[in-house]
Amino acid sequence: MAYVNGVFENLLGLTYQQSGVIVYIKSGQTIICNWAKDTGLPLVSASGLVGMGERLYVRKISYVYDVGKEIDFDRIIYDLHGDAEKLRGTSATAFLVGIVGKNGEVCCIYAPDGWP
């Protein structure tokens, strides 16, 4: 996988997974979702999730051994299928992602091992 200076249209192309965890760094809010059909970062709206169409660039990639230790469970604002507890003890690839055209906007994307 070549991610250095990569720009992506969606999280599926970035992570090769359909679902995972998004932590919005500025607000600390967390979304656990399926992002397969979204372009850009999914945001919570009154009708559910909406892809905002931004282009994403990778700033850093790392590996974490327990996603549950990386997120604040009190800041989860969307978890349609109740997957939060499954994150405890689950390892994942973590992507620090910037949003093209929005200086300073950064998210951490977790692609948990074994998730689709």
PDB file of N, CA and C in Angstrom:
ATOM      1  N   MET A   1       0.836  -1.177   0.000  1.00  0.00           N
ATOM      2  CA  MET A   1       0.000   0.000   0.000  1.00  0.00           C
ATOM      3  C   MET A   1       0.882   1.243   0.000  1.00  0.00           C
ATOM      4  N   ALA A   2       0.705   2.097  -0.966  1.00  0.00           N
ATOM      5  CA  ALA A   2       1.478   3.328  -1.056  1.00  0.00           C
ATOM      6  C   ALA A   2       0.594   4.510  -0.680  1.00  0.00           C
ATOM      7  N   TYR A   3       0.797   5.051   0.513  1.00  0.00           N
ATOM      8  CA  TYR A   3      -0.054   6.132   0.993  1.00  0.00           C
ATOM      9  C   TYR A   3       0.655   7.475   1.048  1.00  0.00           C
ATOM     10  N   VAL A   4       1.963   7.495   0.881  1.00  0.00           N
ATOM     11  CA  VAL A   4       2.692   8.735   1.045  1.00  0.00           C
ATOM     12  C   VAL A   4       2.160   9.784   0.070  1.00  0.00           C
ATOM     13  N   ASN A   5       1.732  10.905   0.615  1.00  0.00           N
ATOM     14  CA  ASN A   5       1.170  12.001  -0.170  1.00  0.00           C
ATOM     15  C   ASN A   5      -0.034  11.575  -1.007  1.00  0.00           C
ATOM     16  N   GLY A   6      -0.685  10.510  -0.621  1.00  0.00           N
ATOM     17  CA  GLY A   6      -1.860  10.049  -1.350  1.00  0.00           C
ATOM     18  C   GLY A   6      -3.076  10.912  -1.063  1.00  0.00           C
ATOM     19  N   VAL A   7      -3.877  11.148  -2.087  1.00  0.00           N
ATOM     20  CA  VAL A   7      -5.137  11.867  -1.935  1.00  0.00           C
ATOM     21  C   VAL A   7      -6.244  10.907  -2.320  1.00  0.00           C
ATOM     22  N   PHE A   8      -7.278  10.830  -1.493  1.00  0.00           N
ATOM     23  CA  PHE A   8      -8.334   9.848  -1.672  1.00  0.00           C
ATOM     24  C   PHE A   8      -9.698  10.528  -1.727  1.00  0.00           C
ATOM     25  N   GLU A   9     -10.583   9.950  -2.519  1.00  0.00           N
ATOM     26  CA  GLU A   9     -11.949  10.465  -2.653  1.00  0.00           C
ATOM     27  C   GLU A   9     -12.876   9.909  -1.578  1.00  0.00           C
ATOM     28  N   ASN A  10     -12.489   8.753  -0.999  1.00  0.00           N
ATOM     29  CA  ASN A  10     -13.364   8.123  -0.011  1.00  0.00           C
ATOM     30  C   ASN A  10     -12.558   7.244   0.935  1.00  0.00           C
ATOM     31  N   LEU A  11     -13.194   6.854   2.023  1.00  0.00           N
ATOM     32  CA  LEU A  11     -12.511   6.040   3.026  1.00  0.00           C
ATOM     33  C   LEU A  11     -12.362   4.594   2.592  1.00  0.00           C
ATOM     34  N   LEU A  12     -13.228   4.117   1.726  1.00  0.00           N
ATOM     35  CA  LEU A  12     -13.102   2.757   1.197  1.00  0.00           C
ATOM     36  C   LEU A  12     -11.793   2.632   0.420  1.00  0.00           C
ATOM     37  N   GLY A  13     -11.484   3.604  -0.417  1.00  0.00           N
ATOM     38  CA  GLY A  13     -10.246   3.590  -1.179  1.00  0.00           C
ATOM     39  C   GLY A  13      -9.012   3.727  -0.305  1.00  0.00           C
ATOM     40  N   LEU A  14      -9.146   4.435   0.794  1.00  0.00           N
ATOM     41  CA  LEU A  14      -8.030   4.626   1.721  1.00  0.00           C
ATOM     42  C   LEU A  14      -7.761   3.380   2.548  1.00  0.00           C
ATOM     43  N   THR A  15      -8.821   2.816   3.132  1.00  0.00           N
ATOM     44  CA  THR A  15      -8.654   1.744   4.120  1.00  0.00           C
ATOM     45  C   THR A  15      -8.828   0.336   3.561  1.00  0.00           C
ATOM     46  N   TYR A  16      -9.416   0.234   2.375  1.00  0.00           N
ATOM     47  CA  TYR A  16      -9.789  -1.066   1.794  1.00  0.00           C
ATOM     48  C   TYR A  16     -10.808  -1.788   2.673  1.00  0.00           C
ATOM     49  N   GLN A  17     -11.531  -1.033   3.485  1.00  0.00           N
ATOM     50  CA  GLN A  17     -12.589  -1.569   4.335  1.00  0.00           C
ATOM     51  C   GLN A  17     -13.845  -0.748   4.143  1.00  0.00           C
ATOM     52  N   GLN A  18     -14.988  -1.364   4.425  1.00  0.00           N
ATOM     53  CA  GLN A  18     -16.273  -0.693   4.285  1.00  0.00           C
ATOM     54  C   GLN A  18     -16.702   0.042   5.540  1.00  0.00           C
ATOM     55  N   SER A  19     -16.068  -0.251   6.656  1.00  0.00           N
ATOM     56  CA  SER A  19     -16.527   0.333   7.914  1.00  0.00           C
ATOM     57  C   SER A  19     -15.382   0.534   8.880  1.00  0.00           C
ATOM     58  N   GLY A  20     -15.643   1.366   9.882  1.00  0.00           N
ATOM     59  CA  GLY A  20     -14.646   1.634  10.897  1.00  0.00           C
ATOM     60  C   GLY A  20     -15.051   2.799  11.767  1.00  0.00           C
ATOM     61  N   VAL A  21     -14.053   3.522  12.248  1.00  0.00           N
ATOM     62  CA  VAL A  21     -14.250   4.577  13.227  1.00  0.00           C
ATOM     63  C   VAL A  21     -13.620   5.871  12.704  1.00  0.00           C
ATOM     64  N   ILE A  22     -14.360   6.974  12.867  1.00  0.00           N
ATOM     65  CA  ILE A  22     -13.863   8.294  12.509  1.00  0.00           C
ATOM     66  C   ILE A  22     -13.880   9.141  13.771  1.00  0.00           C
ATOM     67  N   VAL A  23     -12.739   9.726  14.106  1.00  0.00           N
ATOM     68  CA  VAL A  23     -12.661  10.651  15.237  1.00  0.00           C
ATOM     69  C   VAL A  23     -12.302  12.018  14.671  1.00  0.00           C
ATOM     70  N   TYR A  24     -13.208  12.979  14.852  1.00  0.00           N
ATOM     71  CA  TYR A  24     -12.969  14.353  14.430  1.00  0.00           C
ATOM     72  C   TYR A  24     -12.137  15.027  15.524  1.00  0.00           C
ATOM     73  N   ILE A  25     -10.887  15.353  15.204  1.00  0.00           N
ATOM     74  CA  ILE A  25      -9.925  15.800  16.206  1.00  0.00           C
ATOM     75  C   ILE A  25     -10.372  17.081  16.923  1.00  0.00           C
ATOM     76  N   LYS A  26     -10.837  18.087  16.201  1.00  0.00           N
ATOM     77  CA  LYS A  26     -11.211  19.365  16.833  1.00  0.00           C
ATOM     78  C   LYS A  26     -12.320  19.202  17.868  1.00  0.00           C
ATOM     79  N   SER A  27     -13.347  18.447  17.527  1.00  0.00           N
ATOM     80  CA  SER A  27     -14.494  18.309  18.436  1.00  0.00           C
ATOM     81  C   SER A  27     -14.381  17.087  19.340  1.00  0.00           C
ATOM     82  N   GLY A  28     -13.571  16.118  18.942  1.00  0.00           N
ATOM     83  CA  GLY A  28     -13.473  14.878  19.700  1.00  0.00           C
ATOM     84  C   GLY A  28     -14.630  13.927  19.448  1.00  0.00           C
ATOM     85  N   GLN A  29     -15.583  14.338  18.612  1.00  0.00           N
ATOM     86  CA  GLN A  29     -16.730  13.486  18.322  1.00  0.00           C
ATOM     87  C   GLN A  29     -16.300  12.281  17.489  1.00  0.00           C
ATOM     88  N   THR A  30     -16.976  11.170  17.729  1.00  0.00           N
ATOM     89  CA  THR A  30     -16.627   9.904  17.092  1.00  0.00           C
ATOM     90  C   THR A  30     -17.846   9.303  16.414  1.00  0.00           C
ATOM     91  N   ILE A  31     -17.617   8.768  15.225  1.00  0.00           N
ATOM     92  CA  ILE A  31     -18.650   8.078  14.459  1.00  0.00           C
ATOM     93  C   ILE A  31     -18.152   6.672  14.167  1.00  0.00           C
ATOM     94  N   ILE A  32     -18.997   5.688  14.417  1.00  0.00           N
ATOM     95  CA  ILE A  32     -18.706   4.299  14.055  1.00  0.00           C
ATOM     96  C   ILE A  32     -19.706   3.956  12.969  1.00  0.00           C
ATOM     97  N   CYS A  33     -19.196   3.640  11.767  1.00  0.00           N
ATOM     98  CA  CYS A  33     -20.132   3.537  10.652  1.00  0.00           C
ATOM     99  C   CYS A  33     -19.602   2.715   9.483  1.00  0.00           C
ATOM    100  N   ASN A  34     -20.518   2.482   8.545  1.00  0.00           N
ATOM    101  CA  ASN A  34     -20.186   1.922   7.249  1.00  0.00           C
ATOM    102  C   ASN A  34     -20.020   3.109   6.311  1.00  0.00           C
ATOM    103  N   TRP A  35     -18.848   3.249   5.720  1.00  0.00           N
ATOM    104  CA  TRP A  35     -18.559   4.396   4.856  1.00  0.00           C
ATOM    105  C   TRP A  35     -18.416   4.013   3.388  1.00  0.00           C
ATOM    106  N   ALA A  36     -18.787   2.797   3.035  1.00  0.00           N
ATOM    107  CA  ALA A  36     -18.553   2.273   1.689  1.00  0.00           C
ATOM    108  C   ALA A  36     -19.175   3.121   0.581  1.00  0.00           C
ATOM    109  N   LYS A  37     -20.324   3.727   0.828  1.00  0.00           N
ATOM    110  CA  LYS A  37     -21.017   4.474  -0.226  1.00  0.00           C
ATOM    111  C   LYS A  37     -20.778   5.975  -0.153  1.00  0.00           C
ATOM    112  N   ASP A  38     -20.023   6.438   0.833  1.00  0.00           N
ATOM    113  CA  ASP A  38     -19.823   7.871   1.027  1.00  0.00           C
ATOM    114  C   ASP A  38     -18.588   8.368   0.294  1.00  0.00           C
ATOM    115  N   THR A  39     -18.680   9.582  -0.224  1.00  0.00           N
ATOM    116  CA  THR A  39     -17.535  10.276  -0.791  1.00  0.00           C
ATOM    117  C   THR A  39     -17.109  11.324   0.217  1.00  0.00           C
ATOM    118  N   GLY A  40     -15.822  11.376   0.514  1.00  0.00           N
ATOM    119  CA  GLY A  40     -15.336  12.270   1.557  1.00  0.00           C
ATOM    120  C   GLY A  40     -15.613  11.678   2.922  1.00  0.00           C
ATOM    121  N   LEU A  41     -15.693  12.527   3.920  1.00  0.00           N
ATOM    122  CA  LEU A  41     -15.965  12.072   5.285  1.00  0.00           C
ATOM    123  C   LEU A  41     -17.457  12.083   5.562  1.00  0.00           C
ATOM    124  N   PRO A  42     -17.976  11.005   6.117  1.00  0.00           N
ATOM    125  CA  PRO A  42     -19.388  11.008   6.512  1.00  0.00           C
ATOM    126  C   PRO A  42     -19.607  11.920   7.721  1.00  0.00           C
ATOM    127  N   LEU A  43     -20.700  12.657   7.681  1.00  0.00           N
ATOM    128  CA  LEU A  43     -21.122  13.474   8.814  1.00  0.00           C
ATOM    129  C   LEU A  43     -22.535  13.065   9.201  1.00  0.00           C
ATOM    130  N   VAL A  44     -22.863  13.238  10.460  1.00  0.00           N
ATOM    131  CA  VAL A  44     -24.196  12.896  10.943  1.00  0.00           C
ATOM    132  C   VAL A  44     -25.156  14.033  10.588  1.00  0.00           C
ATOM    133  N   SER A  45     -26.289  13.661   9.980  1.00  0.00           N
ATOM    134  CA  SER A  45     -27.343  14.639   9.679  1.00  0.00           C
ATOM    135  C   SER A  45     -28.655  14.096  10.230  1.00  0.00           C
ATOM    136  N   ALA A  46     -29.712  14.850  10.101  1.00  0.00           N
ATOM    137  CA  ALA A  46     -31.021  14.417  10.590  1.00  0.00           C
ATOM    138  C   ALA A  46     -31.491  13.138   9.908  1.00  0.00           C
ATOM    139  N   SER A  47     -31.044  12.901   8.686  1.00  0.00           N
ATOM    140  CA  SER A  47     -31.469  11.708   7.947  1.00  0.00           C
ATOM    141  C   SER A  47     -30.474  10.557   8.047  1.00  0.00           C
ATOM    142  N   GLY A  48     -29.444  10.698   8.861  1.00  0.00           N
ATOM    143  CA  GLY A  48     -28.420   9.657   8.990  1.00  0.00           C
ATOM    144  C   GLY A  48     -27.061  10.195   8.603  1.00  0.00           C
ATOM    145  N   LEU A  49     -26.264   9.393   7.920  1.00  0.00           N
ATOM    146  CA  LEU A  49     -24.939   9.830   7.496  1.00  0.00           C
ATOM    147  C   LEU A  49     -24.987  10.417   6.095  1.00  0.00           C
ATOM    148  N   VAL A  50     -24.180  11.447   5.888  1.00  0.00           N
ATOM    149  CA  VAL A  50     -24.074  12.088   4.585  1.00  0.00           C
ATOM    150  C   VAL A  50     -22.601  12.275   4.269  1.00  0.00           C
ATOM    151  N   GLY A  51     -22.155  11.798   3.112  1.00  0.00           N
ATOM    152  CA  GLY A  51     -20.787  12.033   2.666  1.00  0.00           C
ATOM    153  C   GLY A  51     -20.652  13.466   2.192  1.00  0.00           C
ATOM    154  N   MET A  52     -19.618  14.151   2.641  1.00  0.00           N
ATOM    155  CA  MET A  52     -19.470  15.565   2.328  1.00  0.00           C
ATOM    156  C   MET A  52     -18.654  15.832   1.065  1.00  0.00           C
ATOM    157  N   GLY A  53     -18.078  14.813   0.463  1.00  0.00           N
ATOM    158  CA  GLY A  53     -17.412  14.955  -0.821  1.00  0.00           C
ATOM    159  C   GLY A  53     -16.013  15.541  -0.792  1.00  0.00           C
ATOM    160  N   GLU A  54     -15.444  15.766   0.374  1.00  0.00           N
ATOM    161  CA  GLU A  54     -14.085  16.297   0.431  1.00  0.00           C
ATOM    162  C   GLU A  54     -13.082  15.269  -0.085  1.00  0.00           C
ATOM    163  N   ARG A  55     -11.940  15.770  -0.477  1.00  0.00           N
ATOM    164  CA  ARG A  55     -10.819  14.886  -0.795  1.00  0.00           C
ATOM    165  C   ARG A  55      -9.947  14.803   0.443  1.00  0.00           C
ATOM    166  N   LEU A  56      -9.399  13.644   0.692  1.00  0.00           N
ATOM    167  CA  LEU A  56      -8.672  13.369   1.921  1.00  0.00           C
ATOM    168  C   LEU A  56      -7.209  13.058   1.614  1.00  0.00           C
ATOM    169  N   TYR A  57      -6.307  13.551   2.440  1.00  0.00           N
ATOM    170  CA  TYR A  57      -4.899  13.199   2.259  1.00  0.00           C
ATOM    171  C   TYR A  57      -4.341  12.624   3.558  1.00  0.00           C
ATOM    172  N   VAL A  58      -3.482  11.642   3.399  1.00  0.00           N
ATOM    173  CA  VAL A  58      -2.906  10.933   4.537  1.00  0.00           C
ATOM    174  C   VAL A  58      -1.710  11.704   5.074  1.00  0.00           C
ATOM    175  N   ARG A  59      -1.741  11.965   6.361  1.00  0.00           N
ATOM    176  CA  ARG A  59      -0.624  12.648   7.009  1.00  0.00           C
ATOM    177  C   ARG A  59       0.275  11.664   7.754  1.00  0.00           C
ATOM    178  N   LYS A  60      -0.325  10.591   8.260  1.00  0.00           N
ATOM    179  CA  LYS A  60       0.453   9.607   9.035  1.00  0.00           C
ATOM    180  C   LYS A  60      -0.337   8.312   9.119  1.00  0.00           C
ATOM    181  N   ILE A  61       0.371   7.203   9.148  1.00  0.00           N
ATOM    182  CA  ILE A  61      -0.249   5.887   9.329  1.00  0.00           C
ATOM    183  C   ILE A  61       0.449   5.204  10.502  1.00  0.00           C
ATOM    184  N   SER A  62      -0.334   4.561  11.350  1.00  0.00           N
ATOM    185  CA  SER A  62       0.244   3.799  12.456  1.00  0.00           C
ATOM    186  C   SER A  62      -0.634   2.581  12.723  1.00  0.00           C
ATOM    187  N   TYR A  63      -0.210   1.777  13.653  1.00  0.00           N
ATOM    188  CA  TYR A  63      -0.961   0.583  14.020  1.00  0.00           C
ATOM    189  C   TYR A  63      -1.238   0.666  15.510  1.00  0.00           C
ATOM    190  N   VAL A  64      -2.473   0.432  15.913  1.00  0.00           N
ATOM    191  CA  VAL A  64      -2.827   0.439  17.331  1.00  0.00           C
ATOM    192  C   VAL A  64      -3.306  -0.957  17.724  1.00  0.00           C
ATOM    193  N   TYR A  65      -3.015  -1.330  18.945  1.00  0.00           N
ATOM    194  CA  TYR A  65      -3.346  -2.677  19.400  1.00  0.00           C
ATOM    195  C   TYR A  65      -4.679  -2.757  20.128  1.00  0.00           C
ATOM    196  N   ASP A  66      -5.248  -1.604  20.491  1.00  0.00           N
ATOM    197  CA  ASP A  66      -6.542  -1.595  21.164  1.00  0.00           C
ATOM    198  C   ASP A  66      -7.258  -0.281  20.841  1.00  0.00           C
ATOM    199  N   VAL A  67      -8.156  -0.316  19.869  1.00  0.00           N
ATOM    200  CA  VAL A  67      -8.895   0.887  19.475  1.00  0.00           C
ATOM    201  C   VAL A  67      -9.673   1.445  20.656  1.00  0.00           C
ATOM    202  N   GLY A  68     -10.145   0.581  21.518  1.00  0.00           N
ATOM    203  CA  GLY A  68     -10.910   1.015  22.677  1.00  0.00           C
ATOM    204  C   GLY A  68     -10.151   1.973  23.585  1.00  0.00           C
ATOM    205  N   LYS A  69      -8.830   1.896  23.572  1.00  0.00           N
ATOM    206  CA  LYS A  69      -8.008   2.805  24.375  1.00  0.00           C
ATOM    207  C   LYS A  69      -7.733   4.112  23.645  1.00  0.00           C
ATOM    208  N   GLU A  70      -8.069   4.163  22.373  1.00  0.00           N
ATOM    209  CA  GLU A  70      -7.784   5.344  21.557  1.00  0.00           C
ATOM    210  C   GLU A  70      -8.959   6.323  21.458  1.00  0.00           C
ATOM    211  N   ILE A  71     -10.157   5.868  21.759  1.00  0.00           N
ATOM    212  CA  ILE A  71     -11.335   6.725  21.590  1.00  0.00           C
ATOM    213  C   ILE A  71     -11.999   7.010  22.932  1.00  0.00           C
ATOM    214  N   ASP A  72     -12.741   8.103  22.969  1.00  0.00           N
ATOM    215  CA  ASP A  72     -13.515   8.485  24.146  1.00  0.00           C
ATOM    216  C   ASP A  72     -14.950   7.998  23.918  1.00  0.00           C
ATOM    217  N   PHE A  73     -15.361   6.972  24.615  1.00  0.00           N
ATOM    218  CA  PHE A  73     -16.677   6.377  24.417  1.00  0.00           C
ATOM    219  C   PHE A  73     -17.814   7.360  24.733  1.00  0.00           C
ATOM    220  N   ASP A  74     -17.536   8.361  25.549  1.00  0.00           N
ATOM    221  CA  ASP A  74     -18.547   9.376  25.857  1.00  0.00           C
ATOM    222  C   ASP A  74     -18.751  10.358  24.706  1.00  0.00           C
ATOM    223  N   ARG A  75     -17.869  10.363  23.731  1.00  0.00           N
ATOM    224  CA  ARG A  75     -17.940  11.293  22.602  1.00  0.00           C
ATOM    225  C   ARG A  75     -18.484  10.624  21.330  1.00  0.00           C
ATOM    226  N   ILE A  76     -18.964   9.375  21.429  1.00  0.00           N
ATOM    227  CA  ILE A  76     -19.539   8.693  20.268  1.00  0.00           C
ATOM    228  C   ILE A  76     -20.911   9.294  19.977  1.00  0.00           C
ATOM    229  N   ILE A  77     -21.074   9.843  18.764  1.00  0.00           N
ATOM    230  CA  ILE A  77     -22.341  10.472  18.411  1.00  0.00           C
ATOM    231  C   ILE A  77     -23.138   9.637  17.411  1.00  0.00           C
ATOM    232  N   TYR A  78     -22.518   8.595  16.861  1.00  0.00           N
ATOM    233  CA  TYR A  78     -23.230   7.751  15.896  1.00  0.00           C
ATOM    234  C   TYR A  78     -22.634   6.352  15.939  1.00  0.00           C
ATOM    235  N   ASP A  79     -23.484   5.376  16.213  1.00  0.00           N
ATOM    236  CA  ASP A  79     -23.105   3.964  16.254  1.00  0.00           C
ATOM    237  C   ASP A  79     -24.373   3.159  16.012  1.00  0.00           C
ATOM    238  N   LEU A  80     -24.827   3.156  14.775  1.00  0.00           N
ATOM    239  CA  LEU A  80     -26.117   2.588  14.395  1.00  0.00           C
ATOM    240  C   LEU A  80     -26.290   1.140  14.837  1.00  0.00           C
ATOM    241  N   HIS A  81     -25.229   0.353  14.767  1.00  0.00           N
ATOM    242  CA  HIS A  81     -25.343  -1.084  15.049  1.00  0.00           C
ATOM    243  C   HIS A  81     -24.755  -1.491  16.402  1.00  0.00           C
ATOM    244  N   GLY A  82     -24.421  -0.532  17.241  1.00  0.00           N
ATOM    245  CA  GLY A  82     -23.917  -0.843  18.575  1.00  0.00           C
ATOM    246  C   GLY A  82     -22.575  -1.554  18.579  1.00  0.00           C
ATOM    247  N   ASP A  83     -21.665  -1.114  17.719  1.00  0.00           N
ATOM    248  CA  ASP A  83     -20.361  -1.768  17.578  1.00  0.00           C
ATOM    249  C   ASP A  83     -19.286  -1.244  18.522  1.00  0.00           C
ATOM    250  N   ALA A  84     -19.564  -0.232  19.304  1.00  0.00           N
ATOM    251  CA  ALA A  84     -18.549   0.404  20.140  1.00  0.00           C
ATOM    252  C   ALA A  84     -17.843  -0.598  21.059  1.00  0.00           C
ATOM    253  N   GLU A  85     -18.579  -1.427  21.736  1.00  0.00           N
ATOM    254  CA  GLU A  85     -17.959  -2.374  22.676  1.00  0.00           C
ATOM    255  C   GLU A  85     -17.048  -3.376  21.976  1.00  0.00           C
ATOM    256  N   LYS A  86     -17.301  -3.651  20.706  1.00  0.00           N
ATOM    257  CA  LYS A  86     -16.452  -4.570  19.944  1.00  0.00           C
ATOM    258  C   LYS A  86     -15.059  -3.994  19.712  1.00  0.00           C
ATOM    259  N   LEU A  87     -14.895  -2.700  19.916  1.00  0.00           N
ATOM    260  CA  LEU A  87     -13.602  -2.057  19.685  1.00  0.00           C
ATOM    261  C   LEU A  87     -12.615  -2.313  20.808  1.00  0.00           C
ATOM    262  N   ARG A  88     -13.111  -2.631  21.986  1.00  0.00           N
ATOM    263  CA  ARG A  88     -12.209  -2.900  23.115  1.00  0.00           C
ATOM    264  C   ARG A  88     -11.395  -4.157  22.822  1.00  0.00           C
ATOM    265  N   GLY A  89     -10.079  -3.991  22.844  1.00  0.00           N
ATOM    266  CA  GLY A  89      -9.179  -5.106  22.578  1.00  0.00           C
ATOM    267  C   GLY A  89      -8.973  -5.422  21.109  1.00  0.00           C
ATOM    268  N   THR A  90      -9.552  -4.622  20.210  1.00  0.00           N
ATOM    269  CA  THR A  90      -9.419  -4.845  18.770  1.00  0.00           C
ATOM    270  C   THR A  90      -8.309  -3.969  18.210  1.00  0.00           C
ATOM    271  N   SER A  91      -7.410  -4.567  17.455  1.00  0.00           N
ATOM    272  CA  SER A  91      -6.332  -3.813  16.826  1.00  0.00           C
ATOM    273  C   SER A  91      -6.826  -3.184  15.524  1.00  0.00           C
ATOM    274  N   ALA A  92      -6.079  -2.185  15.043  1.00  0.00           N
ATOM    275  CA  ALA A  92      -6.519  -1.466  13.845  1.00  0.00           C
ATOM    276  C   ALA A  92      -5.362  -0.704  13.211  1.00  0.00           C
ATOM    277  N   THR A  93      -5.523  -0.414  11.944  1.00  0.00           N
ATOM    278  CA  THR A  93      -4.642   0.536  11.281  1.00  0.00           C
ATOM    279  C   THR A  93      -5.258   1.915  11.498  1.00  0.00           C
ATOM    280  N   ALA A  94      -4.441   2.870  11.899  1.00  0.00           N
ATOM    281  CA  ALA A  94      -4.917   4.228  12.158  1.00  0.00           C
ATOM    282  C   ALA A  94      -4.328   5.162  11.107  1.00  0.00           C
ATOM    283  N   PHE A  95      -5.193   5.976  10.519  1.00  0.00           N
ATOM    284  CA  PHE A  95      -4.792   6.936   9.491  1.00  0.00           C
ATOM    285  C   PHE A  95      -5.088   8.332  10.015  1.00  0.00           C
ATOM    286  N   LEU A  96      -4.078   9.171  10.111  1.00  0.00           N
ATOM    287  CA  LEU A  96      -4.295  10.575  10.417  1.00  0.00           C
ATOM    288  C   LEU A  96      -4.528  11.250   9.070  1.00  0.00           C
ATOM    289  N   VAL A  97      -5.703  11.824   8.894  1.00  0.00           N
ATOM    290  CA  VAL A  97      -6.150  12.311   7.588  1.00  0.00           C
ATOM    291  C   VAL A  97      -6.470  13.795   7.657  1.00  0.00           C
ATOM    292  N   GLY A  98      -5.965  14.535   6.689  1.00  0.00           N
ATOM    293  CA  GLY A  98      -6.314  15.938   6.533  1.00  0.00           C
ATOM    294  C   GLY A  98      -7.359  16.077   5.439  1.00  0.00           C
ATOM    295  N   ILE A  99      -8.070  17.181   5.465  1.00  0.00           N
ATOM    296  CA  ILE A  99      -9.099  17.436   4.461  1.00  0.00           C
ATOM    297  C   ILE A  99      -8.563  18.484   3.495  1.00  0.00           C
ATOM    298  N   VAL A 100      -8.496  18.139   2.213  1.00  0.00           N
ATOM    299  CA  VAL A 100      -7.959  19.041   1.201  1.00  0.00           C
ATOM    300  C   VAL A 100      -8.789  20.323   1.174  1.00  0.00           C
ATOM    301  N   GLY A 101      -8.107  21.464   1.218  1.00  0.00           N
ATOM    302  CA  GLY A 101      -8.777  22.760   1.144  1.00  0.00           C
ATOM    303  C   GLY A 101      -9.260  23.303   2.472  1.00  0.00           C
ATOM    304  N   LYS A 102      -9.109  22.542   3.538  1.00  0.00           N
ATOM    305  CA  LYS A 102      -9.537  23.010   4.859  1.00  0.00           C
ATOM    306  C   LYS A 102      -8.338  22.906   5.802  1.00  0.00           C
ATOM    307  N   ASN A 103      -7.571  23.964   5.878  1.00  0.00           N
ATOM    308  CA  ASN A 103      -6.366  23.973   6.705  1.00  0.00           C
ATOM    309  C   ASN A 103      -6.705  23.669   8.157  1.00  0.00           C
ATOM    310  N   GLY A 104      -5.965  22.760   8.716  1.00  0.00           N
ATOM    311  CA  GLY A 104      -6.143  22.434  10.118  1.00  0.00           C
ATOM    312  C   GLY A 104      -7.200  21.395  10.424  1.00  0.00           C
ATOM    313  N   GLU A 105      -8.037  21.041   9.460  1.00  0.00           N
ATOM    314  CA  GLU A 105      -9.065  20.024   9.694  1.00  0.00           C
ATOM    315  C   GLU A 105      -8.417  18.643   9.604  1.00  0.00           C
ATOM    316  N   VAL A 106      -8.450  17.905  10.701  1.00  0.00           N
ATOM    317  CA  VAL A 106      -7.805  16.607  10.765  1.00  0.00           C
ATOM    318  C   VAL A 106      -8.726  15.604  11.442  1.00  0.00           C
ATOM    319  N   CYS A 107      -8.729  14.386  10.930  1.00  0.00           N
ATOM    320  CA  CYS A 107      -9.484  13.283  11.531  1.00  0.00           C
ATOM    321  C   CYS A 107      -8.561  12.090  11.700  1.00  0.00           C
ATOM    322  N   CYS A 108      -8.892  11.261  12.641  1.00  0.00           N
ATOM    323  CA  CYS A 108      -8.205   9.982  12.774  1.00  0.00           C
ATOM    324  C   CYS A 108      -9.194   8.902  12.359  1.00  0.00           C
ATOM    325  N   ILE A 109      -8.793   8.085  11.409  1.00  0.00           N
ATOM    326  CA  ILE A 109      -9.618   7.007  10.887  1.00  0.00           C
ATOM    327  C   ILE A 109      -9.037   5.691  11.390  1.00  0.00           C
ATOM    328  N   TYR A 110      -9.867   4.881  12.007  1.00  0.00           N
ATOM    329  CA  TYR A 110      -9.426   3.560  12.469  1.00  0.00           C
ATOM    330  C   TYR A 110     -10.113   2.500  11.628  1.00  0.00           C
ATOM    331  N   ALA A 111      -9.319   1.629  11.026  1.00  0.00           N
ATOM    332  CA  ALA A 111      -9.833   0.505  10.264  1.00  0.00           C
ATOM    333  C   ALA A 111      -9.549  -0.752  11.095  1.00  0.00           C
ATOM    334  N   PRO A 112     -10.525  -1.172  11.921  1.00  0.00           N
ATOM    335  CA  PRO A 112     -10.299  -2.310  12.820  1.00  0.00           C
ATOM    336  C   PRO A 112     -10.046  -3.611  12.075  1.00  0.00           C
ATOM    337  N   ASP A 113      -9.108  -4.373  12.566  1.00  0.00           N
ATOM    338  CA  ASP A 113      -8.815  -5.689  11.980  1.00  0.00           C
ATOM    339  C   ASP A 113     -10.040  -6.580  12.080  1.00  0.00           C
ATOM    340  N   GLY A 114     -10.342  -7.276  10.994  1.00  0.00           N
ATOM    341  CA  GLY A 114     -11.448  -8.217  10.978  1.00  0.00           C
ATOM    342  C   GLY A 114     -12.804  -7.606  10.645  1.00  0.00           C
ATOM    343  N   TRP A 115     -12.882  -6.268  10.479  1.00  0.00           N
ATOM    344  CA  TRP A 115     -14.133  -5.636  10.091  1.00  0.00           C
ATOM    345  C   TRP A 115     -14.226  -5.649   8.573  1.00  0.00           C
ATOM    346  N   PRO A 116     -15.456  -5.677   8.057  1.00  0.00           N
ATOM    347  CA  PRO A 116     -15.583  -5.684   6.595  1.00  0.00           C
ATOM    348  C   PRO A 116     -15.138  -4.366   5.977  1.00  0.00           C
TER     349      PRO A 116
END
